[in-house]
Protein backbone atom coordinates (compact mmCIF):
# COMPACT_ATOMS: atom_id res chain seq x y z
CA MET A 1 0.14 0.16 0.19
CA ASN A 2 2.62 2.39 0.64
CA GLU A 3 3.96 2.20 -3.24
CA ILE A 4 0.41 3.68 -4.14
CA LYS A 5 0.32 6.13 -1.72
CA GLU A 6 3.89 7.35 -2.74
CA GLY A 7 2.84 7.22 -6.17
CA LEU A 8 -0.17 9.39 -6.02
CA ALA A 9 1.99 11.62 -3.99
CA ARG A 10 4.77 11.58 -6.44
CA ARG A 11 4.25 12.45 -10.49
CA PRO A 12 6.65 12.03 -13.06
CA GLU A 13 7.97 15.52 -14.49
CA GLY A 14 6.23 17.21 -16.94
CA GLU A 15 3.30 15.41 -15.21
CA SER A 16 0.11 18.33 -13.49
CA GLN A 17 -0.39 17.27 -9.87
CA MET A 18 -3.60 15.62 -9.30
CA SER A 19 -6.08 17.92 -7.68
CA LEU A 20 -6.76 16.88 -4.06
CA ILE A 21 -10.18 15.74 -5.09
CA ASP A 22 -8.86 13.97 -7.99
CA ARG A 23 -6.18 12.18 -5.55
CA LEU A 24 -9.47 11.16 -2.65
CA ARG A 25 -11.89 9.80 -6.50
CA GLU A 26 -8.45 7.73 -6.46
CA PHE A 27 -8.48 6.36 -3.24
CA LEU A 28 -11.98 5.55 -2.68
CA GLU A 29 -11.49 3.92 -6.00
CA MET A 30 -8.60 1.78 -4.57
CA GLU A 31 -10.88 1.36 -1.21
CA ALA A 32 -13.74 -0.19 -3.21
CA ARG A 33 -11.54 -2.54 -4.94
CA SER A 34 -10.14 -3.58 -2.37
CA GLY A 35 -13.26 -4.75 -0.94
CA SER A 36 -11.82 -4.52 2.50
CA MET A 37 -13.89 -1.54 3.90
CA ASP A 38 -17.13 0.33 3.74
CA SER A 39 -17.34 3.70 2.05
CA GLY A 40 -19.13 4.77 4.63
CA CYS A 41 -16.40 3.92 6.77
CA ILE A 42 -13.84 6.39 5.65
CA THR A 43 -13.59 9.39 7.43
CA PRO A 44 -11.03 11.91 7.38
CA LEU A 45 -8.74 10.94 10.22
CA TYR A 46 -8.43 7.13 8.44
CA VAL A 47 -7.62 8.80 4.95
CA TYR A 48 -4.86 11.34 6.67
CA ARG A 49 -3.39 8.41 8.13
CA MET A 50 -3.43 6.55 4.89
CA TRP A 51 -1.26 8.89 3.30
CA GLY A 52 1.36 9.55 6.19
CA GLY A 53 0.09 12.98 7.11
CA SER A 54 1.25 14.35 3.74
CA VAL A 55 -2.04 16.50 3.70
CA ALA A 56 -4.02 18.60 6.65
CA ILE A 57 -6.72 16.54 7.98
CA ASP A 58 -8.97 19.80 7.35
CA GLU A 59 -8.02 19.47 3.55
CA ILE A 60 -9.50 16.01 3.55
CA GLU A 61 -12.32 16.89 5.58
CA ALA A 62 -13.77 19.81 2.55
CA GLY A 63 -12.06 17.07 -0.36
CA LEU A 64 -14.91 14.63 1.57
CA LYS A 65 -17.40 16.64 1.66
CA GLU A 66 -17.35 17.79 -1.68
CA LEU A 67 -17.13 14.04 -2.74
CA ARG A 68 -20.35 13.37 -0.50
CA LYS A 69 -22.03 16.24 -2.67
CA GLN A 70 -20.73 14.71 -6.04
CA GLY A 71 -23.08 11.52 -4.89
CA LEU A 72 -19.54 9.59 -4.36
CA LEU A 73 -19.78 8.88 -1.07
CA PRO A 74 -22.73 7.54 1.45
């Protein structure tokens, strides 16, 4: 899983950095594919810990709220 997190954080030169919303969307898709967790259990703290604290928890919370508005989370 660390390889996945590191791959999301670092992008090859010349490739634009993913927005937080895109990064969260990709993270949620990976979690759904793994089948290890119900999407309703994904909290800002869970994402923060999985990403190793690389993104502020309040930014993650705002991103998850936006994804809920878009209907991607329960």
